[in-house]
């Protein structure tokens, strides 16, 4: 008995170990394909996988699978975007569009080429929301999704993100000084937008975290940005935002719409561009832009440097385009904000940008290396006597030509078009938004951990956007 007891215990231990091992192996066989690679997970095991950014609606007549089949979206990587049908006063009516037919239409009929034009001049540089909205509208009528990065869906349960079609930049440019009583039309529109969004189930479901709001002009959305900040903002830079309201981890930087003319059939070379360094624009600026006048005094007497005041009036844009096309390097210096249109004018002109703006954030920089076609100089170094001009003169033909060729390769990423084309600025912005989706999903899921408990206890679950701690 004394010998059998310990032996039985040892046998039982080995039997348990073998049984556990066999069980684990059988589970692996379920997950592994015959070729040994891990198969796709069955998403039915994760009921929130297809709805974690949206809400359920009992009024939808077709299933998720049916609409995905109709749109050709099953098993594709295209970003699915639910866009609110906001009244025209928030978007195309700001451009003077009166509505189709009897004026009851929310959207222009893009199939009939009923596309309102965006105002030109400096207005155009901040027209990002216009191009994104047109792209979503046209996506509904395209059967060939090749080259497309986003498509509009009408069932919010299918959406990865929710797009807010408010033309914030043109609202600021045209209506921030137009008063109704004591308030500007721009402020009143923003107030209406906040009421609309915070009343929607889509906003309540995520606290706005999965919403996309474009506010490309630095002063746009000025009175409502503190109320809508949980959303992903599409901005020109973060110069006028507290870090907790807008930052590179949460938001998306979009390029300006360049004003300079494209350099078509560019056969120039190092020797055929006589100007070494080019700048034309506003010289006397506020805040971080004071460096412009300091550099002007340092460089104005250099024989192969063009550093002059300029504006878009008259032939300003044409003259600037020609000047950049005849220059090897183009200065992009911080102005009132870290970014400016000048960088994208230089790219369109194949003039190697010299970026002097310590706080600048650049579009698509998580996938695009700007040092391959740009020169970066810190503010401190740029203001050292002869540092900048010596550095530029030391860049030879071979190095410059390499950057010039790369400029011609990447320029498509900064072109806004309608209809959009593969890998142009519109598609690149959608792709940048898509890269934010996993992080947004994580935030939404974490925030909703206790929502069902609150609802089941009879409490009303309300999302709120507390004032960021470092906001002053």
Protein backbone atom coordinates (compact mmCIF):
# COMPACT_ATOMS: atom_id res chain seq x y z
CA UNK A 1 0.00 0.00 0.00
CA UNK A 2 2.76 2.42 0.86
CA UNK A 3 4.38 1.85 -2.59
CA UNK A 4 1.22 1.88 -4.65
CA UNK A 5 -0.10 5.19 -3.24
CA UNK A 6 2.76 7.47 -4.38
CA UNK A 7 2.96 5.66 -7.73
CA UNK A 8 -0.75 6.26 -8.38
CA UNK A 9 -0.40 9.93 -7.58
CA UNK A 10 2.52 10.23 -9.96
CA UNK A 11 0.58 8.41 -12.70
CA UNK A 12 -2.40 10.68 -12.22
CA UNK A 13 -0.15 13.73 -12.56
CA UNK A 14 1.29 12.50 -15.87
CA UNK A 15 -2.20 11.58 -17.10
CA UNK A 16 -3.43 15.10 -16.29
CA UNK A 17 -0.42 16.64 -18.06
CA UNK A 18 -0.97 14.54 -21.20
CA UNK A 19 -4.69 15.34 -21.25
CA UNK A 20 -4.01 19.08 -20.94
CA UNK A 21 -1.43 18.94 -23.71
CA UNK A 22 -3.81 17.11 -26.06
CA UNK A 23 -6.56 19.62 -25.31
CA UNK A 24 -4.31 22.58 -26.15
CA UNK A 25 -3.15 20.91 -29.36
CA UNK A 26 -6.74 20.31 -30.44
CA UNK A 27 -7.56 23.99 -29.87
CA UNK A 28 -4.59 25.02 -31.99
CA UNK A 29 -5.75 22.72 -34.80
CA UNK A 30 -9.05 24.60 -34.88
CA UNK A 31 -7.28 27.94 -35.29
CA UNK A 32 -4.48 26.79 -37.63
CA UNK A 33 -4.94 26.24 -41.32
CA UNK A 34 -3.53 23.06 -42.90
CA UNK A 35 -0.49 25.04 -44.08
CA UNK A 36 0.32 25.97 -40.49
CA UNK A 37 -0.61 29.67 -40.73
CA UNK A 38 -3.05 31.20 -38.32
CA UNK A 39 -6.45 31.67 -39.90
CA UNK A 40 -8.68 34.71 -39.61
CA UNK A 41 -10.55 34.89 -36.35
CA UNK A 42 -14.26 34.28 -36.41
CA UNK A 43 -15.57 37.78 -35.68
CA UNK A 44 -18.79 36.30 -34.34
CA UNK A 45 -16.78 35.61 -31.20
CA UNK A 46 -16.42 39.40 -30.82
CA UNK A 47 -19.90 40.94 -31.06
CA UNK A 48 -18.50 44.50 -30.93
CA UNK A 49 -16.06 43.97 -33.77
CA UNK A 50 -18.43 45.36 -36.40
CA UNK A 51 -20.27 47.90 -34.27
CA UNK A 52 -17.77 49.35 -31.84
CA UNK A 53 -17.78 52.75 -33.53
CA UNK A 54 -21.48 53.06 -34.33
CA UNK A 55 -24.99 52.49 -32.99
CA UNK A 56 -27.72 50.00 -33.76
CA UNK A 57 -30.78 51.27 -35.59
CA UNK A 58 -34.06 49.36 -35.77
CA UNK A 59 -35.18 51.37 -38.81
CA UNK A 60 -32.60 49.88 -41.19
CA UNK A 61 -34.36 47.52 -43.59
CA UNK A 62 -31.36 45.62 -44.95
CA UNK A 63 -28.74 43.73 -43.02
CA UNK A 64 -25.09 44.64 -42.72
CA UNK A 65 -24.17 41.78 -45.02
CA UNK A 66 -26.69 42.81 -47.67
CA UNK A 67 -25.55 46.44 -47.80
CA UNK A 68 -21.90 45.40 -47.82
CA UNK A 69 -22.64 43.09 -50.74
CA UNK A 70 -24.47 45.85 -52.61
CA UNK A 71 -21.59 48.26 -52.09
CA UNK A 72 -18.92 45.67 -52.84
CA UNK A 73 -17.35 46.26 -49.42
CA UNK A 74 -17.07 42.77 -48.06
CA UNK A 75 -13.48 41.67 -47.43
CA UNK A 76 -12.01 45.03 -48.57
CA UNK A 77 -9.74 47.51 -46.84
CA UNK A 78 -11.65 50.64 -47.82
CA UNK A 79 -12.56 53.02 -45.01
CA UNK A 80 -16.32 53.03 -44.49
CA UNK A 81 -17.63 56.50 -43.65
CA UNK A 82 -21.05 57.49 -42.38
CA UNK A 83 -21.71 61.14 -43.30
CA UNK A 84 -24.45 63.18 -41.67
CA UNK A 85 -27.05 64.72 -43.98
CA UNK A 86 -26.53 68.15 -42.48
CA UNK A 87 -28.67 70.95 -43.95
CA UNK A 88 -26.98 72.86 -46.81
CA UNK A 89 -26.45 75.89 -44.57
CA UNK A 90 -23.52 73.97 -43.07
CA UNK A 91 -21.83 73.16 -46.36
CA UNK A 92 -22.67 73.97 -49.99
CA UNK A 93 -25.04 76.85 -49.22
CA UNK A 94 -21.97 78.62 -47.83
CA UNK A 95 -20.69 78.58 -51.42
CA UNK A 96 -23.91 80.11 -52.75
CA UNK A 97 -25.57 76.81 -53.76
CA UNK A 98 -29.37 77.16 -53.63
CA UNK A 99 -30.26 73.48 -53.71
CA UNK A 100 -31.46 71.35 -56.58
CA UNK A 101 -34.97 71.53 -58.04
CA UNK A 102 -37.29 73.11 -55.51
CA UNK A 103 -34.41 73.74 -53.15
CA UNK A 104 -35.25 70.76 -50.94
CA UNK A 105 -32.13 68.74 -51.80
CA UNK A 106 -29.47 68.38 -49.14
CA UNK A 107 -26.66 67.63 -51.60
CA UNK A 108 -25.80 68.71 -55.14
CA UNK A 109 -26.23 66.00 -57.76
CA UNK A 110 -22.62 65.17 -58.53
CA UNK A 111 -23.74 62.70 -61.21
CA UNK A 112 -25.17 65.62 -63.16
CA UNK A 113 -21.96 67.62 -62.70
CA UNK A 114 -23.80 69.91 -60.29
CA UNK A 115 -20.67 70.76 -58.33
CA UNK A 116 -20.56 74.25 -56.77
CA UNK A 117 -17.20 75.97 -57.17
CA UNK A 118 -15.13 76.88 -54.14
CA UNK A 119 -14.06 80.57 -53.92
CA UNK A 120 -10.57 81.21 -55.25
CA UNK A 121 -7.65 83.18 -53.90
CA UNK A 122 -6.47 82.50 -50.38
CA UNK A 123 -9.82 80.87 -49.54
CA UNK A 124 -8.87 77.91 -51.69
CA UNK A 125 -5.84 76.89 -49.65
CA UNK A 126 -8.05 75.76 -46.73
CA UNK A 127 -10.76 73.98 -48.77
CA UNK A 128 -9.97 70.46 -47.53
CA UNK A 129 -13.50 69.68 -46.24
CA UNK A 130 -14.95 70.57 -49.66
CA UNK A 131 -12.83 67.95 -51.45
CA UNK A 132 -13.47 65.24 -48.87
CA UNK A 133 -17.23 65.81 -49.00
CA UNK A 134 -17.31 65.68 -52.80
CA UNK A 135 -15.31 62.47 -52.70
CA UNK A 136 -17.80 60.80 -50.35
CA UNK A 137 -20.75 61.93 -52.47
CA UNK A 138 -19.19 60.55 -55.65
CA UNK A 139 -18.24 57.27 -53.94
CA UNK A 140 -21.92 56.27 -53.78
CA UNK A 141 -22.11 55.96 -57.57
CA UNK A 142 -18.83 54.22 -58.30
CA UNK A 143 -18.79 50.49 -58.78
CA UNK A 144 -15.04 50.28 -59.36
CA UNK A 145 -13.36 50.85 -56.00
CA UNK A 146 -9.82 50.52 -57.35
CA UNK A 147 -7.64 53.32 -56.00
CA UNK A 148 -10.35 54.50 -53.60
CA UNK A 149 -9.54 54.80 -49.89
CA UNK A 150 -12.99 55.66 -48.49
CA UNK A 151 -16.63 55.11 -49.37
CA UNK A 152 -19.85 56.51 -47.93
CA UNK A 153 -22.24 54.13 -46.18
CA UNK A 154 -25.75 55.04 -45.05
CA UNK A 155 -26.01 52.52 -42.24
CA UNK A 156 -23.98 53.85 -39.30
CA UNK A 157 -23.53 50.26 -38.09
CA UNK A 158 -21.20 49.67 -41.02
CA UNK A 159 -19.06 52.74 -40.47
CA UNK A 160 -15.48 52.94 -39.27
CA UNK A 161 -15.79 56.71 -38.74
CA UNK A 162 -18.46 59.41 -38.82
CA UNK A 163 -17.77 62.43 -41.04
CA UNK A 164 -19.14 65.88 -40.18
CA UNK A 165 -19.60 67.88 -43.44
CA UNK A 166 -19.27 71.36 -41.98
CA UNK A 167 -17.29 73.74 -44.21
CA UNK A 168 -15.63 75.40 -41.23
CA UNK A 169 -12.91 77.25 -43.13
CA UNK A 170 -15.18 79.06 -45.59
CA UNK A 171 -17.62 79.73 -42.76
CA UNK A 172 -14.84 81.58 -40.94
CA UNK A 173 -13.47 83.35 -44.02
CA UNK A 174 -16.83 84.61 -45.27
CA UNK A 175 -19.09 84.85 -42.22
CA UNK A 176 -17.02 85.43 -39.07
CA UNK A 177 -17.60 89.18 -39.46
CA UNK A 178 -21.21 89.02 -40.67
CA UNK A 179 -23.33 89.79 -37.62
CA UNK A 180 -26.81 88.67 -36.61
CA UNK A 181 -27.53 90.71 -33.51
CA UNK A 182 -24.39 90.43 -31.38
CA UNK A 183 -23.22 87.14 -32.88
CA UNK A 184 -21.49 86.31 -36.13
CA UNK A 185 -23.10 83.92 -38.60
CA UNK A 186 -20.06 81.67 -38.17
CA UNK A 187 -20.56 81.48 -34.39
CA UNK A 188 -24.27 80.76 -34.78
CA UNK A 189 -23.57 77.93 -37.21
CA UNK A 190 -21.07 76.41 -34.80
CA UNK A 191 -23.60 76.63 -31.98
CA UNK A 192 -26.18 74.79 -34.11
CA UNK A 193 -23.60 72.18 -35.05
CA UNK A 194 -22.75 71.45 -31.40
CA UNK A 195 -26.45 71.01 -30.55
CA UNK A 196 -26.95 68.72 -33.54
CA UNK A 197 -23.94 66.50 -32.86
CA UNK A 198 -24.36 66.11 -29.12
CA UNK A 199 -27.99 65.09 -29.59
CA UNK A 200 -27.14 62.27 -32.02
CA UNK A 201 -26.92 58.66 -30.92
CA UNK A 202 -23.76 58.28 -33.00
CA UNK A 203 -22.05 60.94 -30.90
CA UNK A 204 -23.36 59.57 -27.61
CA UNK A 205 -22.20 56.08 -28.52
CA UNK A 206 -18.54 57.13 -28.71
CA UNK A 207 -18.48 60.52 -27.02
CA UNK A 208 -17.53 61.89 -30.45
CA UNK A 209 -14.23 60.01 -30.55
CA UNK A 210 -15.00 58.36 -33.90
CA UNK A 211 -16.14 61.61 -35.55
CA UNK A 212 -14.06 63.43 -38.17
CA UNK A 213 -14.25 67.25 -38.21
CA UNK A 214 -12.24 69.36 -40.66
CA UNK A 215 -11.09 72.75 -39.36
CA UNK A 216 -8.18 73.50 -41.66
CA UNK A 217 -8.11 77.29 -41.32
CA UNK A 218 -6.27 78.06 -38.03
CA UNK A 219 -9.17 80.25 -36.83
CA UNK A 220 -12.01 78.00 -37.95
CA UNK A 221 -14.20 76.25 -35.38
CA UNK A 222 -12.94 78.83 -32.90
CA UNK A 223 -16.00 78.95 -30.63
CA UNK A 224 -16.78 75.22 -30.65
CA UNK A 225 -13.41 73.43 -30.74
CA UNK A 226 -13.42 73.12 -26.93
CA UNK A 227 -16.81 71.39 -27.05
CA UNK A 228 -16.05 69.00 -29.90
CA UNK A 229 -12.40 68.17 -29.16
CA UNK A 230 -12.88 64.43 -28.51
CA UNK A 231 -13.40 64.14 -32.28
CA UNK A 232 -10.51 63.66 -34.68
CA UNK A 233 -9.69 67.04 -36.17
CA UNK A 234 -8.23 67.47 -39.65
CA UNK A 235 -6.00 70.54 -39.34
CA UNK A 236 -3.24 72.50 -41.03
CA UNK A 237 -1.16 72.54 -37.83
CA UNK A 238 -1.50 72.69 -34.04
CA UNK A 239 -0.28 76.26 -33.67
CA UNK A 240 -3.46 77.65 -32.10
CA UNK A 241 -4.60 74.60 -30.14
CA UNK A 242 -3.69 73.40 -26.63
CA UNK A 243 -1.92 70.03 -26.84
CA UNK A 244 -4.72 68.25 -25.00
CA UNK A 245 -7.27 69.50 -27.54
CA UNK A 246 -5.32 68.73 -30.71
CA UNK A 247 -2.12 66.75 -31.10
CA UNK A 248 -0.28 64.46 -33.49
CA UNK A 249 -1.46 61.30 -31.71
CA UNK A 250 -5.18 62.14 -31.95
CA UNK A 251 -5.58 64.24 -35.06
CA UNK A 252 -4.66 64.38 -38.74
CA UNK A 253 -2.57 67.02 -40.52
CA UNK A 254 -3.70 67.74 -44.08
CA UNK A 255 -1.81 69.66 -46.77
CA UNK A 256 -2.87 73.07 -48.00
CA UNK A 257 -4.31 73.31 -51.50
CA UNK A 258 -1.33 74.84 -53.29
CA UNK A 259 -1.84 78.08 -55.21
CA UNK A 260 1.26 77.93 -57.38
CA UNK A 261 0.84 76.45 -60.83
CA UNK A 262 1.98 72.87 -61.37
CA UNK A 263 5.29 72.54 -63.18
CA UNK A 264 4.23 70.28 -66.03
CA UNK A 265 6.82 68.50 -68.16
CA UNK A 266 9.62 69.75 -65.90
CA UNK A 267 12.92 69.16 -67.71
CA UNK A 268 14.92 71.61 -65.64
CA UNK A 269 18.14 70.69 -63.89
CA UNK A 270 20.57 72.09 -61.34
CA UNK A 271 22.19 74.48 -63.79
CA UNK A 272 19.03 75.71 -65.50
CA UNK A 273 17.55 77.12 -62.25
CA UNK A 274 19.55 80.35 -61.79
CA UNK A 275 18.14 81.39 -58.38
CA UNK A 276 19.70 79.57 -55.44
CA UNK A 277 17.15 80.43 -52.75
CA UNK A 278 13.65 81.88 -53.18
CA UNK A 279 11.12 83.52 -50.89
CA UNK A 280 8.25 85.81 -51.78
CA UNK A 281 5.43 86.65 -49.42
CA UNK A 282 4.61 88.49 -46.21
CA UNK A 283 7.83 89.39 -44.42
CA UNK A 284 6.58 91.08 -41.27
CA UNK A 285 4.62 88.60 -39.17
CA UNK A 286 3.62 88.08 -35.55
CA UNK A 287 4.74 85.53 -32.96
CA UNK A 288 7.04 82.85 -34.42
CA UNK A 289 6.90 84.59 -37.81
CA UNK A 290 9.24 87.36 -36.71
CA UNK A 291 12.09 85.18 -37.98
CA UNK A 292 11.09 86.15 -41.52
CA UNK A 293 12.20 89.74 -41.14
CA UNK A 294 15.42 88.67 -39.42
CA UNK A 295 16.27 86.37 -42.31
CA UNK A 296 15.32 89.07 -44.78
CA UNK A 297 17.95 91.41 -43.35
CA UNK A 298 20.53 88.59 -43.43
CA UNK A 299 19.87 87.43 -47.02
CA UNK A 300 18.64 90.45 -48.96
CA UNK A 301 22.07 91.32 -50.38
CA UNK A 302 23.03 87.80 -51.50
CA UNK A 303 23.35 87.95 -55.29
CA UNK A 304 21.58 84.64 -56.11
CA UNK A 305 18.87 84.90 -53.45
CA UNK A 306 15.38 86.25 -54.12
CA UNK A 307 13.82 87.43 -50.84
CA UNK A 308 10.99 89.90 -51.44
CA UNK A 309 7.55 90.98 -50.31
CA UNK A 310 4.68 89.56 -52.38
CA UNK A 311 0.93 88.95 -52.41
CA UNK A 312 -1.60 87.11 -54.56
CA UNK A 313 -2.95 90.36 -56.02
CA UNK A 314 -2.58 90.98 -59.71
CA UNK A 315 -0.14 88.49 -61.20
CA UNK A 316 1.24 87.56 -57.79
CA UNK A 317 0.56 83.83 -58.08
CA UNK A 318 1.85 83.57 -61.65
CA UNK A 319 5.00 85.49 -60.79
CA UNK A 320 5.63 83.38 -57.70
CA UNK A 321 5.09 80.17 -59.69
CA UNK A 322 7.64 81.23 -62.29
CA UNK A 323 10.08 82.34 -59.61
CA UNK A 324 9.93 79.01 -57.77
CA UNK A 325 10.26 77.05 -61.01
CA UNK A 326 13.50 78.93 -61.68
CA UNK A 327 14.91 78.32 -58.19
CA UNK A 328 16.83 75.42 -56.71
CA UNK A 329 15.61 75.92 -53.13
CA UNK A 330 12.48 77.59 -51.72
CA UNK A 331 12.24 78.91 -48.17
CA UNK A 332 9.31 77.78 -46.03
CA UNK A 333 9.55 79.91 -42.89
CA UNK A 334 7.15 79.90 -39.95
CA UNK A 335 4.58 82.69 -40.08
CA UNK A 336 1.78 83.48 -37.66
CA UNK A 337 1.38 79.70 -37.41
CA UNK A 338 3.97 76.92 -37.91
CA UNK A 339 2.69 75.96 -41.38
CA UNK A 340 2.01 77.85 -44.58
CA UNK A 341 0.87 77.21 -48.13
CA UNK A 342 4.39 78.00 -49.34
CA UNK A 343 5.65 74.46 -48.65
CA UNK A 344 3.09 72.95 -51.00
CA UNK A 345 3.70 75.64 -53.62
CA UNK A 346 7.36 74.62 -53.55
CA UNK A 347 6.50 70.93 -53.95
CA UNK A 348 4.28 71.72 -56.96
CA UNK A 349 7.17 73.75 -58.43
CA UNK A 350 9.76 71.00 -57.78
CA UNK A 351 11.75 73.56 -55.80
CA UNK A 352 13.47 71.82 -52.87
CA UNK A 353 11.83 73.17 -49.67
CA UNK A 354 14.03 74.61 -46.95
CA UNK A 355 11.84 74.31 -43.85
CA UNK A 356 12.54 76.67 -40.94
CA UNK A 357 9.70 76.04 -38.50
CA UNK A 358 10.52 74.15 -35.31
CA UNK A 359 6.89 73.46 -34.38
CA UNK A 360 5.66 72.33 -37.79
CA UNK A 361 3.78 69.06 -38.22
CA UNK A 362 3.66 67.61 -41.72
CA UNK A 363 1.00 65.61 -43.60
CA UNK A 364 1.48 61.82 -43.74
CA UNK A 365 4.79 62.03 -41.90
CA UNK A 366 4.13 58.65 -40.30
CA UNK A 367 4.70 57.08 -43.74
CA UNK A 368 6.54 59.78 -45.72
CA UNK A 369 10.15 60.86 -45.06
CA UNK A 370 10.34 64.56 -45.90
CA UNK A 371 14.12 64.59 -45.52
CA UNK A 372 14.30 62.79 -48.87
CA UNK A 373 13.12 65.93 -50.66
CA UNK A 374 13.43 68.77 -48.12
CA UNK A 375 16.07 70.51 -46.04
CA UNK A 376 15.31 71.18 -42.37
CA UNK A 377 17.02 73.98 -40.47
CA UNK A 378 16.29 74.87 -36.85
CA UNK A 379 15.39 78.44 -36.00
CA UNK A 380 18.48 78.73 -33.81
CA UNK A 381 20.83 77.63 -36.59
CA UNK A 382 19.08 79.69 -39.27
CA UNK A 383 19.74 82.89 -37.31
CA UNK A 384 23.46 82.25 -36.98
CA UNK A 385 25.52 84.52 -39.18
CA UNK A 386 26.05 82.95 -42.65
CA UNK A 387 24.93 79.49 -41.43
CA UNK A 388 21.92 79.12 -43.72
CA UNK A 389 23.44 80.47 -46.92
CA UNK A 390 26.65 78.45 -46.42
CA UNK A 391 24.68 75.28 -45.83
CA UNK A 392 22.60 75.74 -48.98
CA UNK A 393 25.65 76.56 -51.12
CA UNK A 394 27.29 73.34 -49.96
CA UNK A 395 24.48 71.18 -51.38
CA UNK A 396 25.83 70.07 -54.73
CA UNK A 397 24.31 68.99 -58.01
CA UNK A 398 24.05 65.27 -57.18
CA UNK A 399 22.33 65.74 -53.82
CA UNK A 400 19.97 68.39 -55.17
CA UNK A 401 19.05 66.27 -58.20
CA UNK A 402 18.18 63.33 -55.95
CA UNK A 403 15.78 65.52 -53.93
CA UNK A 404 14.35 67.10 -57.11
CA UNK A 405 13.53 63.66 -58.54
CA UNK A 406 11.90 62.63 -55.29
CA UNK A 407 9.77 65.80 -55.37
CA UNK A 408 8.37 64.77 -58.74
CA UNK A 409 7.50 61.36 -57.29
CA UNK A 410 5.66 62.64 -54.22
CA UNK A 411 3.88 65.69 -55.69
CA UNK A 412 0.79 63.57 -56.46
CA UNK A 413 0.23 63.13 -52.70
CA UNK A 414 -0.47 66.86 -52.38
CA UNK A 415 -2.85 67.33 -55.34
CA UNK A 416 -6.55 67.93 -54.58
CA UNK A 417 -8.77 66.79 -57.43
CA UNK A 418 -12.37 66.09 -58.23
CA UNK A 419 -12.92 63.41 -59.26
CA UNK A 420 -10.20 62.17 -56.98
CA UNK A 421 -7.45 59.88 -58.26
CA UNK A 422 -5.47 57.10 -56.57
CA UNK A 423 -2.97 58.41 -54.00
CA UNK A 424 -3.82 62.08 -54.48
CA UNK A 425 -4.30 64.36 -51.47
CA UNK A 426 -7.93 63.32 -50.96
CA UNK A 427 -7.12 59.61 -50.86
CA UNK A 428 -4.01 60.18 -48.75
CA UNK A 429 -6.05 62.05 -46.12
CA UNK A 430 -8.57 59.21 -45.97
CA UNK A 431 -5.69 56.78 -45.54
CA UNK A 432 -4.27 58.89 -42.71
CA UNK A 433 -7.69 58.82 -41.02
CA UNK A 434 -7.88 55.05 -41.51
CA UNK A 435 -4.57 54.64 -39.68
CA UNK A 436 -6.19 56.35 -36.67
CA UNK A 437 -9.13 53.93 -36.53
CA UNK A 438 -7.54 51.18 -34.37
CA UNK A 439 -6.54 53.70 -31.70
CA UNK A 440 -10.02 55.27 -31.79
CA UNK A 441 -11.62 51.82 -31.50
CA UNK A 442 -9.51 51.08 -28.45
CA UNK A 443 -10.53 54.36 -26.80
CA UNK A 444 -14.21 53.78 -27.50
CA UNK A 445 -14.13 50.23 -26.17
CA UNK A 446 -12.27 51.26 -23.03
CA UNK A 447 -14.68 54.13 -22.40
CA UNK A 448 -17.72 51.85 -22.80
CA UNK A 449 -16.64 49.25 -20.23
CA UNK A 450 -19.24 50.33 -17.68
CA UNK A 451 -21.87 51.81 -19.99
CA UNK A 452 -24.03 48.67 -20.08
CA UNK A 453 -23.88 48.40 -16.29
CA UNK A 454 -25.10 51.99 -15.97
CA UNK A 455 -27.90 51.43 -18.46
CA UNK A 456 -29.09 48.22 -16.78
CA UNK A 457 -29.23 49.98 -13.44
CA UNK A 458 -31.65 52.53 -14.82
CA UNK A 459 -29.17 55.37 -15.07
CA UNK A 460 -28.93 57.55 -18.16
CA UNK A 461 -25.50 57.11 -19.73
CA UNK A 462 -24.33 60.46 -21.01
CA UNK A 463 -21.06 61.20 -22.72
CA UNK A 464 -19.31 64.42 -21.84
CA UNK A 465 -16.19 66.22 -22.96
CA UNK A 466 -14.53 67.68 -19.85
CA UNK A 467 -12.40 70.76 -20.25
CA UNK A 468 -8.78 69.70 -20.90
CA UNK A 469 -6.57 70.29 -17.88
CA UNK A 470 -4.01 72.48 -19.59
CA UNK A 471 -6.53 74.72 -21.36
CA UNK A 472 -6.22 78.38 -20.41
